[in-house]
N, C-alpha and C. Protein backbone atom coordinates (compact mmCIF):
# COMPACT_ATOMS: atom_id res chain seq x y z
N MET A 1 6.71 -11.15 18.39
CA MET A 1 7.21 -9.88 17.83
C MET A 1 6.31 -8.73 18.30
N VAL A 2 6.90 -7.73 18.92
CA VAL A 2 6.14 -6.57 19.38
C VAL A 2 6.04 -5.56 18.25
N ASN A 3 4.82 -5.15 17.96
CA ASN A 3 4.59 -4.22 16.86
C ASN A 3 4.51 -2.80 17.40
N ASN A 4 5.59 -2.03 17.27
CA ASN A 4 5.57 -0.62 17.63
C ASN A 4 5.06 0.17 16.45
N SER A 5 3.88 0.75 16.61
CA SER A 5 3.20 1.35 15.46
C SER A 5 4.03 2.42 14.78
N ASN A 6 4.77 3.22 15.56
CA ASN A 6 5.52 4.31 14.94
C ASN A 6 6.75 3.83 14.17
N GLN A 7 7.04 2.52 14.26
CA GLN A 7 8.12 1.94 13.47
C GLN A 7 7.57 1.06 12.34
N SER A 8 6.25 1.04 12.21
CA SER A 8 5.60 0.16 11.25
C SER A 8 5.45 0.81 9.88
N ILE A 9 5.11 -0.03 8.91
CA ILE A 9 4.70 0.44 7.59
C ILE A 9 3.20 0.20 7.48
N SER A 10 2.48 1.24 7.14
CA SER A 10 1.04 1.12 6.91
C SER A 10 0.81 0.86 5.43
N LEU A 11 0.02 -0.17 5.13
CA LEU A 11 -0.27 -0.52 3.74
C LEU A 11 -1.77 -0.57 3.55
N ALA A 12 -2.26 0.17 2.57
CA ALA A 12 -3.68 0.14 2.21
C ALA A 12 -3.81 -0.37 0.78
N ILE A 13 -4.69 -1.34 0.60
CA ILE A 13 -5.01 -1.87 -0.72
C ILE A 13 -6.42 -1.43 -1.06
N THR A 14 -6.56 -0.64 -2.12
CA THR A 14 -7.88 -0.12 -2.47
C THR A 14 -8.36 -0.72 -3.79
N GLY A 15 -9.54 -0.31 -4.22
CA GLY A 15 -10.25 -1.02 -5.27
C GLY A 15 -9.89 -0.68 -6.70
N ALA A 16 -8.62 -0.49 -6.98
CA ALA A 16 -8.17 -0.36 -8.37
C ALA A 16 -7.67 -1.70 -8.85
N SER A 17 -7.69 -1.90 -10.16
CA SER A 17 -7.07 -3.09 -10.71
C SER A 17 -5.59 -3.07 -10.39
N GLY A 18 -5.02 -4.26 -10.17
CA GLY A 18 -3.60 -4.33 -9.83
C GLY A 18 -3.35 -4.68 -8.39
N VAL A 19 -4.27 -5.43 -7.77
CA VAL A 19 -4.08 -5.80 -6.36
C VAL A 19 -2.85 -6.68 -6.16
N LEU A 20 -2.38 -7.32 -7.23
CA LEU A 20 -1.17 -8.13 -7.11
C LEU A 20 0.03 -7.30 -6.67
N TYR A 21 0.07 -6.03 -7.05
CA TYR A 21 1.13 -5.15 -6.59
C TYR A 21 1.10 -5.06 -5.06
N GLY A 22 -0.08 -4.81 -4.52
CA GLY A 22 -0.22 -4.66 -3.07
C GLY A 22 0.07 -5.94 -2.32
N LEU A 23 -0.40 -7.06 -2.84
CA LEU A 23 -0.16 -8.34 -2.17
C LEU A 23 1.32 -8.72 -2.21
N ARG A 24 1.97 -8.46 -3.33
CA ARG A 24 3.40 -8.76 -3.43
C ARG A 24 4.20 -7.85 -2.50
N LEU A 25 3.80 -6.59 -2.40
CA LEU A 25 4.47 -5.67 -1.49
C LEU A 25 4.30 -6.15 -0.05
N LEU A 26 3.10 -6.59 0.30
CA LEU A 26 2.86 -7.13 1.63
C LEU A 26 3.79 -8.31 1.91
N GLU A 27 3.89 -9.21 0.96
CA GLU A 27 4.77 -10.37 1.10
C GLU A 27 6.22 -9.94 1.33
N CYS A 28 6.69 -8.98 0.55
CA CYS A 28 8.08 -8.53 0.67
C CYS A 28 8.34 -7.82 1.99
N LEU A 29 7.38 -7.03 2.46
CA LEU A 29 7.54 -6.35 3.75
C LEU A 29 7.64 -7.36 4.88
N ILE A 30 6.79 -8.38 4.84
CA ILE A 30 6.83 -9.41 5.87
C ILE A 30 8.15 -10.17 5.81
N GLN A 31 8.58 -10.52 4.60
CA GLN A 31 9.85 -11.24 4.46
C GLN A 31 11.03 -10.40 4.95
N ALA A 32 10.91 -9.07 4.84
CA ALA A 32 11.98 -8.18 5.30
C ALA A 32 11.93 -7.95 6.80
N GLY A 33 10.93 -8.54 7.47
CA GLY A 33 10.82 -8.40 8.92
C GLY A 33 10.15 -7.11 9.37
N GLU A 34 9.49 -6.41 8.45
CA GLU A 34 8.86 -5.14 8.78
C GLU A 34 7.49 -5.37 9.43
N PRO A 35 7.17 -4.65 10.51
CA PRO A 35 5.82 -4.69 11.06
C PRO A 35 4.87 -3.97 10.09
N VAL A 36 3.73 -4.57 9.81
CA VAL A 36 2.82 -4.03 8.80
C VAL A 36 1.43 -3.81 9.41
N LEU A 37 0.89 -2.64 9.17
CA LEU A 37 -0.49 -2.30 9.53
C LEU A 37 -1.29 -2.25 8.24
N LEU A 38 -2.19 -3.20 8.06
CA LEU A 38 -2.84 -3.41 6.77
C LEU A 38 -4.31 -3.03 6.80
N MET A 39 -4.73 -2.32 5.75
CA MET A 39 -6.15 -2.00 5.53
C MET A 39 -6.52 -2.39 4.11
N ILE A 40 -7.64 -3.07 3.96
CA ILE A 40 -8.12 -3.49 2.64
C ILE A 40 -9.55 -2.98 2.49
N SER A 41 -9.79 -2.16 1.48
CA SER A 41 -11.13 -1.62 1.28
C SER A 41 -12.08 -2.71 0.79
N GLN A 42 -13.37 -2.45 0.92
CA GLN A 42 -14.37 -3.41 0.44
C GLN A 42 -14.25 -3.60 -1.06
N ALA A 43 -14.01 -2.52 -1.78
CA ALA A 43 -13.84 -2.63 -3.24
C ALA A 43 -12.62 -3.47 -3.57
N ALA A 44 -11.55 -3.33 -2.77
CA ALA A 44 -10.34 -4.11 -3.02
C ALA A 44 -10.61 -5.60 -2.81
N GLN A 45 -11.45 -5.93 -1.86
CA GLN A 45 -11.79 -7.35 -1.65
C GLN A 45 -12.47 -7.93 -2.89
N VAL A 46 -13.31 -7.13 -3.53
CA VAL A 46 -13.97 -7.57 -4.77
C VAL A 46 -12.92 -7.78 -5.87
N VAL A 47 -11.98 -6.83 -5.98
CA VAL A 47 -10.95 -6.93 -7.01
C VAL A 47 -10.03 -8.12 -6.73
N ILE A 48 -9.69 -8.35 -5.46
CA ILE A 48 -8.85 -9.50 -5.11
C ILE A 48 -9.52 -10.80 -5.55
N ALA A 49 -10.82 -10.91 -5.31
CA ALA A 49 -11.54 -12.11 -5.71
C ALA A 49 -11.60 -12.25 -7.23
N THR A 50 -11.55 -11.12 -7.94
CA THR A 50 -11.62 -11.13 -9.40
C THR A 50 -10.27 -11.42 -10.04
N GLU A 51 -9.22 -10.84 -9.49
CA GLU A 51 -7.90 -10.91 -10.13
C GLU A 51 -6.99 -12.01 -9.58
N THR A 52 -7.39 -12.64 -8.47
CA THR A 52 -6.56 -13.69 -7.87
C THR A 52 -7.45 -14.85 -7.45
N ASP A 53 -6.81 -15.91 -7.00
CA ASP A 53 -7.53 -17.06 -6.46
C ASP A 53 -7.72 -16.95 -4.94
N LEU A 54 -7.32 -15.83 -4.39
CA LEU A 54 -7.40 -15.62 -2.95
C LEU A 54 -8.81 -15.22 -2.55
N LYS A 55 -9.38 -15.90 -1.60
CA LYS A 55 -10.72 -15.60 -1.11
C LYS A 55 -10.62 -15.15 0.34
N LEU A 56 -10.74 -13.86 0.55
CA LEU A 56 -10.64 -13.30 1.89
C LEU A 56 -12.01 -13.24 2.55
N THR A 57 -12.03 -13.38 3.86
CA THR A 57 -13.27 -13.20 4.60
C THR A 57 -13.49 -11.69 4.76
N SER A 58 -14.57 -11.33 5.39
CA SER A 58 -14.88 -9.91 5.60
C SER A 58 -14.43 -9.41 6.96
N ARG A 59 -13.91 -10.30 7.81
CA ARG A 59 -13.54 -9.94 9.17
C ARG A 59 -12.03 -9.69 9.26
N PRO A 60 -11.64 -8.50 9.77
CA PRO A 60 -10.21 -8.17 9.85
C PRO A 60 -9.37 -9.22 10.58
N ALA A 61 -9.87 -9.76 11.68
CA ALA A 61 -9.09 -10.74 12.44
C ALA A 61 -8.84 -12.00 11.62
N GLU A 62 -9.83 -12.40 10.83
CA GLU A 62 -9.67 -13.59 10.00
C GLU A 62 -8.76 -13.32 8.81
N ILE A 63 -8.86 -12.11 8.24
CA ILE A 63 -7.95 -11.72 7.15
C ILE A 63 -6.51 -11.72 7.67
N GLN A 64 -6.33 -11.20 8.88
CA GLN A 64 -5.00 -11.18 9.49
C GLN A 64 -4.43 -12.58 9.61
N GLN A 65 -5.26 -13.51 10.03
CA GLN A 65 -4.83 -14.90 10.15
C GLN A 65 -4.53 -15.51 8.79
N GLN A 66 -5.42 -15.25 7.81
CA GLN A 66 -5.23 -15.79 6.46
C GLN A 66 -3.92 -15.32 5.85
N LEU A 67 -3.74 -14.00 5.82
CA LEU A 67 -2.57 -13.44 5.14
C LEU A 67 -1.30 -13.67 5.94
N GLY A 68 -1.42 -13.67 7.26
CA GLY A 68 -0.26 -13.95 8.09
C GLY A 68 0.29 -15.34 7.83
N ALA A 69 -0.62 -16.30 7.71
CA ALA A 69 -0.21 -17.67 7.42
C ALA A 69 0.32 -17.79 5.99
N ARG A 70 -0.32 -17.10 5.06
CA ARG A 70 0.07 -17.19 3.65
C ARG A 70 1.49 -16.68 3.42
N TYR A 71 1.85 -15.59 4.13
CA TYR A 71 3.15 -14.97 3.89
C TYR A 71 4.17 -15.21 5.00
N GLY A 72 3.81 -16.02 5.97
CA GLY A 72 4.76 -16.39 7.02
C GLY A 72 5.07 -15.29 8.00
N ALA A 73 4.06 -14.50 8.36
CA ALA A 73 4.28 -13.42 9.32
C ALA A 73 4.55 -13.97 10.71
N LYS A 74 5.45 -13.33 11.43
CA LYS A 74 5.70 -13.68 12.82
C LYS A 74 4.56 -13.16 13.69
N GLU A 75 4.47 -13.68 14.88
CA GLU A 75 3.40 -13.26 15.78
C GLU A 75 3.49 -11.75 16.04
N GLY A 76 2.39 -11.06 15.80
CA GLY A 76 2.34 -9.62 16.03
C GLY A 76 2.90 -8.77 14.90
N GLN A 77 3.44 -9.41 13.86
CA GLN A 77 4.06 -8.63 12.77
C GLN A 77 3.03 -7.99 11.87
N LEU A 78 1.88 -8.63 11.71
CA LEU A 78 0.83 -8.14 10.82
C LEU A 78 -0.42 -7.83 11.62
N GLN A 79 -0.92 -6.61 11.45
CA GLN A 79 -2.21 -6.23 12.03
C GLN A 79 -3.12 -5.75 10.91
N VAL A 80 -4.35 -6.21 10.91
CA VAL A 80 -5.32 -5.83 9.88
C VAL A 80 -6.46 -5.06 10.55
N PHE A 81 -6.83 -3.94 9.95
CA PHE A 81 -7.88 -3.09 10.51
C PHE A 81 -9.03 -2.93 9.53
N GLY A 82 -10.25 -2.85 10.07
CA GLY A 82 -11.43 -2.59 9.27
C GLY A 82 -11.63 -1.10 9.04
N LYS A 83 -12.56 -0.77 8.13
CA LYS A 83 -12.69 0.61 7.68
C LYS A 83 -13.20 1.57 8.75
N THR A 84 -13.82 1.03 9.82
CA THR A 84 -14.36 1.92 10.86
C THR A 84 -13.68 1.70 12.21
N GLN A 85 -12.50 1.11 12.21
CA GLN A 85 -11.77 0.91 13.46
C GLN A 85 -11.01 2.20 13.82
N TRP A 86 -11.76 3.18 14.32
CA TRP A 86 -11.20 4.50 14.57
C TRP A 86 -10.20 4.53 15.71
N MET A 87 -10.16 3.46 16.53
CA MET A 87 -9.19 3.42 17.61
C MET A 87 -7.86 2.81 17.17
N ALA A 88 -7.75 2.45 15.89
CA ALA A 88 -6.49 1.92 15.36
C ALA A 88 -5.40 2.99 15.45
N SER A 89 -4.17 2.54 15.64
CA SER A 89 -3.05 3.48 15.80
C SER A 89 -2.88 4.39 14.59
N VAL A 90 -3.22 3.89 13.39
CA VAL A 90 -3.02 4.69 12.17
C VAL A 90 -3.94 5.90 12.11
N ALA A 91 -4.96 5.95 12.98
CA ALA A 91 -5.93 7.05 12.95
C ALA A 91 -5.47 8.25 13.75
N SER A 92 -4.31 8.15 14.40
CA SER A 92 -3.86 9.25 15.25
C SER A 92 -2.41 9.61 14.96
N GLY A 93 -2.14 10.88 14.93
CA GLY A 93 -0.78 11.35 14.72
C GLY A 93 0.14 11.04 15.88
N SER A 94 -0.42 10.73 17.06
CA SER A 94 0.42 10.45 18.23
C SER A 94 1.12 9.10 18.15
N ASN A 95 0.66 8.24 17.23
CA ASN A 95 1.28 6.92 17.09
C ASN A 95 1.29 6.49 15.63
N ALA A 96 1.51 7.46 14.75
CA ALA A 96 1.46 7.19 13.31
C ALA A 96 2.64 6.33 12.88
N PRO A 97 2.45 5.49 11.85
CA PRO A 97 3.56 4.68 11.33
C PRO A 97 4.61 5.56 10.67
N ARG A 98 5.77 4.99 10.40
CA ARG A 98 6.85 5.80 9.82
C ARG A 98 6.60 6.10 8.35
N ALA A 99 5.78 5.28 7.69
CA ALA A 99 5.45 5.51 6.28
C ALA A 99 4.15 4.79 5.96
N MET A 100 3.47 5.25 4.91
CA MET A 100 2.24 4.62 4.45
C MET A 100 2.29 4.49 2.94
N VAL A 101 1.82 3.33 2.45
CA VAL A 101 1.72 3.08 1.02
C VAL A 101 0.28 2.70 0.70
N VAL A 102 -0.28 3.34 -0.31
CA VAL A 102 -1.59 2.93 -0.83
C VAL A 102 -1.32 2.27 -2.18
N CYS A 103 -1.51 0.94 -2.23
CA CYS A 103 -1.07 0.17 -3.40
C CYS A 103 -2.01 -1.02 -3.65
N PRO A 104 -2.77 -0.99 -4.74
CA PRO A 104 -2.91 0.13 -5.66
C PRO A 104 -3.81 1.22 -5.06
N CYS A 105 -3.68 2.40 -5.58
CA CYS A 105 -4.49 3.53 -5.13
C CYS A 105 -5.51 3.86 -6.21
N SER A 106 -6.77 3.66 -5.90
CA SER A 106 -7.83 4.02 -6.85
C SER A 106 -7.92 5.54 -6.96
N THR A 107 -8.47 6.03 -8.05
CA THR A 107 -8.61 7.48 -8.21
C THR A 107 -9.66 8.04 -7.24
N GLY A 108 -10.59 7.18 -6.79
CA GLY A 108 -11.52 7.62 -5.76
C GLY A 108 -10.81 7.87 -4.44
N THR A 109 -9.90 6.97 -4.08
CA THR A 109 -9.10 7.16 -2.86
C THR A 109 -8.19 8.36 -3.03
N LEU A 110 -7.58 8.51 -4.20
CA LEU A 110 -6.74 9.67 -4.49
C LEU A 110 -7.50 10.97 -4.24
N SER A 111 -8.73 11.04 -4.75
CA SER A 111 -9.55 12.23 -4.58
C SER A 111 -9.86 12.49 -3.11
N ALA A 112 -10.22 11.43 -2.38
CA ALA A 112 -10.57 11.59 -0.97
C ALA A 112 -9.37 12.08 -0.16
N ILE A 113 -8.19 11.55 -0.47
CA ILE A 113 -6.99 11.99 0.24
C ILE A 113 -6.68 13.45 -0.08
N ALA A 114 -6.85 13.81 -1.35
CA ALA A 114 -6.55 15.18 -1.78
C ALA A 114 -7.47 16.20 -1.14
N THR A 115 -8.69 15.78 -0.77
CA THR A 115 -9.65 16.71 -0.17
C THR A 115 -9.76 16.56 1.33
N GLY A 116 -9.01 15.61 1.91
CA GLY A 116 -9.05 15.41 3.36
C GLY A 116 -10.36 14.84 3.85
N ALA A 117 -11.02 14.01 3.04
CA ALA A 117 -12.36 13.53 3.35
C ALA A 117 -12.41 12.72 4.65
N SER A 118 -11.49 11.80 4.83
CA SER A 118 -11.42 10.98 6.06
C SER A 118 -12.73 10.29 6.40
N ASN A 119 -13.37 9.73 5.39
CA ASN A 119 -14.65 9.05 5.60
C ASN A 119 -14.47 7.60 6.05
N ASN A 120 -13.28 7.06 5.95
CA ASN A 120 -12.99 5.71 6.43
C ASN A 120 -11.56 5.67 6.95
N LEU A 121 -11.15 4.54 7.47
CA LEU A 121 -9.84 4.48 8.13
C LEU A 121 -8.68 4.69 7.16
N ILE A 122 -8.82 4.19 5.93
CA ILE A 122 -7.75 4.40 4.94
C ILE A 122 -7.54 5.88 4.68
N GLU A 123 -8.64 6.59 4.46
CA GLU A 123 -8.56 8.02 4.17
C GLU A 123 -8.01 8.78 5.38
N ARG A 124 -8.47 8.41 6.58
CA ARG A 124 -7.98 9.07 7.79
C ARG A 124 -6.49 8.79 8.00
N ALA A 125 -6.08 7.54 7.77
CA ALA A 125 -4.67 7.19 7.94
C ALA A 125 -3.78 8.01 7.01
N ALA A 126 -4.23 8.20 5.77
CA ALA A 126 -3.48 9.02 4.82
C ALA A 126 -3.46 10.48 5.26
N ASP A 127 -4.58 10.96 5.78
CA ASP A 127 -4.66 12.34 6.26
C ASP A 127 -3.69 12.56 7.42
N VAL A 128 -3.55 11.56 8.28
CA VAL A 128 -2.60 11.64 9.39
C VAL A 128 -1.18 11.78 8.86
N MET A 129 -0.84 11.00 7.83
CA MET A 129 0.51 11.09 7.27
C MET A 129 0.80 12.48 6.71
N LEU A 130 -0.20 13.07 6.09
CA LEU A 130 -0.03 14.42 5.53
C LEU A 130 0.19 15.44 6.64
N LYS A 131 -0.66 15.39 7.66
CA LYS A 131 -0.56 16.41 8.71
C LYS A 131 0.69 16.25 9.56
N GLU A 132 1.17 15.00 9.67
CA GLU A 132 2.39 14.75 10.44
C GLU A 132 3.65 14.86 9.58
N GLN A 133 3.46 15.15 8.28
CA GLN A 133 4.55 15.30 7.33
C GLN A 133 5.44 14.07 7.29
N LYS A 134 4.79 12.90 7.21
CA LYS A 134 5.48 11.64 7.07
C LYS A 134 5.30 11.12 5.64
N LYS A 135 6.10 10.14 5.28
CA LYS A 135 6.09 9.66 3.89
C LYS A 135 4.79 8.97 3.56
N LEU A 136 4.15 9.42 2.48
CA LEU A 136 2.93 8.82 1.95
C LEU A 136 3.16 8.52 0.48
N ILE A 137 3.08 7.24 0.11
CA ILE A 137 3.32 6.80 -1.26
C ILE A 137 2.00 6.33 -1.85
N LEU A 138 1.63 6.89 -2.99
CA LEU A 138 0.38 6.53 -3.66
C LEU A 138 0.70 5.87 -4.99
N VAL A 139 0.39 4.58 -5.10
CA VAL A 139 0.65 3.82 -6.32
C VAL A 139 -0.63 3.83 -7.15
N VAL A 140 -0.78 4.89 -7.91
CA VAL A 140 -2.03 5.12 -8.66
C VAL A 140 -2.11 4.17 -9.85
N ARG A 141 -3.29 3.59 -10.04
CA ARG A 141 -3.49 2.63 -11.14
C ARG A 141 -4.77 3.03 -11.87
N GLU A 142 -4.60 3.75 -12.97
CA GLU A 142 -5.73 4.18 -13.80
C GLU A 142 -5.22 4.53 -15.18
N MET A 143 -6.08 4.39 -16.18
CA MET A 143 -5.69 4.73 -17.55
C MET A 143 -6.95 4.89 -18.39
N PRO A 144 -7.08 5.98 -19.13
CA PRO A 144 -6.25 7.19 -19.10
C PRO A 144 -6.54 8.01 -17.85
N LEU A 145 -5.75 9.05 -17.65
CA LEU A 145 -5.93 9.94 -16.50
C LEU A 145 -6.67 11.20 -16.94
N SER A 146 -7.70 11.56 -16.19
CA SER A 146 -8.42 12.80 -16.50
C SER A 146 -7.70 13.99 -15.88
N ALA A 147 -8.13 15.18 -16.23
CA ALA A 147 -7.55 16.39 -15.64
C ALA A 147 -7.77 16.41 -14.13
N ILE A 148 -8.90 15.86 -13.67
CA ILE A 148 -9.18 15.79 -12.24
C ILE A 148 -8.13 14.93 -11.54
N HIS A 149 -7.84 13.75 -12.11
CA HIS A 149 -6.83 12.87 -11.52
C HIS A 149 -5.48 13.57 -11.46
N LEU A 150 -5.10 14.21 -12.57
CA LEU A 150 -3.80 14.87 -12.64
C LEU A 150 -3.71 16.03 -11.66
N GLU A 151 -4.79 16.79 -11.53
CA GLU A 151 -4.79 17.90 -10.58
C GLU A 151 -4.66 17.40 -9.15
N ASN A 152 -5.35 16.29 -8.83
CA ASN A 152 -5.24 15.72 -7.48
C ASN A 152 -3.83 15.22 -7.21
N MET A 153 -3.21 14.60 -8.20
CA MET A 153 -1.84 14.11 -8.02
C MET A 153 -0.87 15.28 -7.85
N LEU A 154 -1.05 16.34 -8.63
CA LEU A 154 -0.18 17.51 -8.50
C LEU A 154 -0.33 18.14 -7.13
N LYS A 155 -1.57 18.27 -6.66
CA LYS A 155 -1.83 18.84 -5.34
C LYS A 155 -1.12 18.04 -4.25
N LEU A 156 -1.25 16.71 -4.31
CA LEU A 156 -0.65 15.86 -3.29
C LEU A 156 0.88 15.83 -3.41
N SER A 157 1.39 15.89 -4.62
CA SER A 157 2.83 15.94 -4.81
C SER A 157 3.40 17.20 -4.17
N ARG A 158 2.71 18.30 -4.32
CA ARG A 158 3.16 19.56 -3.72
C ARG A 158 3.11 19.51 -2.20
N LEU A 159 2.27 18.61 -1.65
CA LEU A 159 2.18 18.43 -0.21
C LEU A 159 3.21 17.43 0.31
N GLY A 160 4.00 16.86 -0.61
CA GLY A 160 5.06 15.95 -0.19
C GLY A 160 4.80 14.49 -0.46
N CYS A 161 3.64 14.15 -1.02
CA CYS A 161 3.36 12.76 -1.34
C CYS A 161 4.27 12.29 -2.48
N VAL A 162 4.58 11.00 -2.46
CA VAL A 162 5.30 10.38 -3.56
C VAL A 162 4.26 9.71 -4.45
N ILE A 163 4.13 10.18 -5.68
CA ILE A 163 3.18 9.62 -6.63
C ILE A 163 3.93 8.61 -7.50
N MET A 164 3.54 7.34 -7.40
CA MET A 164 4.23 6.28 -8.14
C MET A 164 3.21 5.49 -8.96
N PRO A 165 2.90 5.95 -10.16
CA PRO A 165 1.98 5.18 -11.00
C PRO A 165 2.50 3.76 -11.19
N ALA A 166 1.60 2.81 -11.22
CA ALA A 166 1.98 1.40 -11.42
C ALA A 166 2.39 1.22 -12.88
N SER A 167 3.60 1.67 -13.19
CA SER A 167 4.09 1.71 -14.56
C SER A 167 5.42 1.00 -14.64
N PRO A 168 5.42 -0.32 -14.82
CA PRO A 168 6.67 -1.08 -14.82
C PRO A 168 7.55 -0.78 -16.03
N GLY A 169 8.85 -0.90 -15.83
CA GLY A 169 9.80 -0.78 -16.92
C GLY A 169 10.01 -2.12 -17.60
N PHE A 170 10.71 -2.09 -18.72
CA PHE A 170 10.92 -3.31 -19.50
C PHE A 170 12.39 -3.57 -19.81
N TYR A 171 13.29 -2.72 -19.30
CA TYR A 171 14.70 -2.91 -19.66
C TYR A 171 15.29 -4.17 -19.05
N HIS A 172 14.62 -4.76 -18.05
CA HIS A 172 15.11 -6.03 -17.51
C HIS A 172 14.53 -7.23 -18.27
N ARG A 173 13.80 -6.94 -19.35
CA ARG A 173 13.26 -7.96 -20.25
C ARG A 173 12.41 -9.02 -19.54
N PRO A 174 11.33 -8.57 -18.91
CA PRO A 174 10.48 -9.54 -18.21
C PRO A 174 9.80 -10.49 -19.19
N THR A 175 9.68 -11.74 -18.78
CA THR A 175 9.04 -12.75 -19.63
C THR A 175 7.74 -13.26 -19.01
N GLU A 176 7.42 -12.78 -17.82
CA GLU A 176 6.18 -13.18 -17.17
C GLU A 176 5.67 -12.03 -16.32
N ILE A 177 4.43 -12.16 -15.87
CA ILE A 177 3.78 -11.05 -15.14
C ILE A 177 4.50 -10.74 -13.84
N ASN A 178 5.09 -11.75 -13.20
CA ASN A 178 5.79 -11.50 -11.93
C ASN A 178 6.95 -10.53 -12.10
N GLY A 179 7.57 -10.54 -13.27
CA GLY A 179 8.65 -9.59 -13.53
C GLY A 179 8.17 -8.16 -13.57
N LEU A 180 6.96 -7.95 -14.07
CA LEU A 180 6.38 -6.61 -14.11
C LEU A 180 5.98 -6.15 -12.71
N ILE A 181 5.38 -7.07 -11.95
CA ILE A 181 4.96 -6.75 -10.59
C ILE A 181 6.17 -6.41 -9.73
N ASP A 182 7.21 -7.23 -9.83
CA ASP A 182 8.39 -7.01 -8.99
C ASP A 182 9.11 -5.72 -9.32
N PHE A 183 9.04 -5.27 -10.57
CA PHE A 183 9.66 -3.99 -10.92
C PHE A 183 9.04 -2.86 -10.10
N VAL A 184 7.72 -2.81 -10.06
CA VAL A 184 7.04 -1.75 -9.32
C VAL A 184 7.27 -1.89 -7.82
N VAL A 185 7.16 -3.11 -7.31
CA VAL A 185 7.34 -3.33 -5.88
C VAL A 185 8.77 -2.98 -5.45
N ALA A 186 9.74 -3.29 -6.29
CA ALA A 186 11.13 -2.95 -5.97
C ALA A 186 11.31 -1.45 -5.82
N ARG A 187 10.68 -0.68 -6.69
CA ARG A 187 10.79 0.78 -6.60
C ARG A 187 10.12 1.31 -5.34
N ILE A 188 9.01 0.69 -4.94
CA ILE A 188 8.34 1.09 -3.70
C ILE A 188 9.25 0.81 -2.51
N LEU A 189 9.86 -0.38 -2.48
CA LEU A 189 10.77 -0.73 -1.39
C LEU A 189 11.95 0.23 -1.33
N ASP A 190 12.45 0.66 -2.48
CA ASP A 190 13.52 1.66 -2.52
C ASP A 190 13.07 2.95 -1.83
N GLN A 191 11.86 3.37 -2.12
CA GLN A 191 11.33 4.59 -1.51
C GLN A 191 11.19 4.46 0.01
N LEU A 192 10.95 3.24 0.46
CA LEU A 192 10.82 2.98 1.90
C LEU A 192 12.17 2.71 2.57
N HIS A 193 13.25 2.72 1.76
CA HIS A 193 14.61 2.46 2.25
C HIS A 193 14.71 1.06 2.86
N ILE A 194 14.07 0.11 2.20
CA ILE A 194 14.12 -1.29 2.60
C ILE A 194 14.91 -2.04 1.54
N GLN A 195 15.92 -2.76 1.95
CA GLN A 195 16.76 -3.48 1.00
C GLN A 195 15.93 -4.49 0.21
N GLN A 196 16.22 -4.56 -1.08
CA GLN A 196 15.50 -5.50 -1.94
C GLN A 196 16.44 -6.05 -2.99
N LYS A 197 16.14 -7.28 -3.39
CA LYS A 197 16.91 -7.94 -4.45
C LYS A 197 15.99 -8.37 -5.58
N LEU A 198 14.83 -7.74 -5.67
CA LEU A 198 13.88 -8.10 -6.72
C LEU A 198 14.36 -7.69 -8.10
N MET A 199 14.99 -6.51 -8.16
CA MET A 199 15.43 -5.95 -9.42
C MET A 199 16.86 -5.42 -9.32
N PRO A 200 17.71 -5.68 -10.30
CA PRO A 200 19.04 -5.06 -10.29
C PRO A 200 18.91 -3.56 -10.55
N ARG A 201 19.85 -2.80 -10.01
CA ARG A 201 19.83 -1.37 -10.24
C ARG A 201 20.42 -1.04 -11.60
N TRP A 202 20.09 0.13 -12.09
CA TRP A 202 20.54 0.56 -13.40
C TRP A 202 22.07 0.47 -13.49
N SER A 203 22.53 -0.17 -14.54
CA SER A 203 23.95 -0.37 -14.87
C SER A 203 24.60 -1.50 -14.06
N ASP A 204 23.88 -2.05 -13.05
CA ASP A 204 24.43 -3.21 -12.35
C ASP A 204 24.36 -4.43 -13.24
N SER A 205 25.36 -5.28 -13.16
CA SER A 205 25.36 -6.47 -13.98
C SER A 205 24.49 -7.55 -13.35
């Protein structure tokens, strides 16, 4: 499978609680046949080890192999980048992906994106999406929210970002945690215009 970066989905998993949202989204994107450019922050690796049984290595190439095998990625479908891989396609507007999702998005990452910090590849990739006016979805996971968090979200929303707090609904009467995760992931897939059957739509039987 040839991965054309400008047709890819960029996914960043950062160090907020709720990494299961990001991992499930990754699984669904791969199952949908989407090329994925993946970045996982160091803090997210700590959270993954805390919240799941998944033990990732620290090397991007090995993470790519681990997750590719775990989710059945085709050859070339999944690329994983480290925080200082500045030559990655996501770091340049000339080959930016069609959309980027930060899931979950820590409030530290939210702040860095709002100020254009670009201190690592995740922040730079998000900055590229803003300057190229492409879709950037931030799945913020924090509670409660301070005025700083809210101001950063308002600023980014005005710049065209889609702010999607990890706030699952309950009208589908979930009985297990996977039902809550899939609710949020389904809404993200809708925003990406990727067909999903995780959740029925409102009023559908």
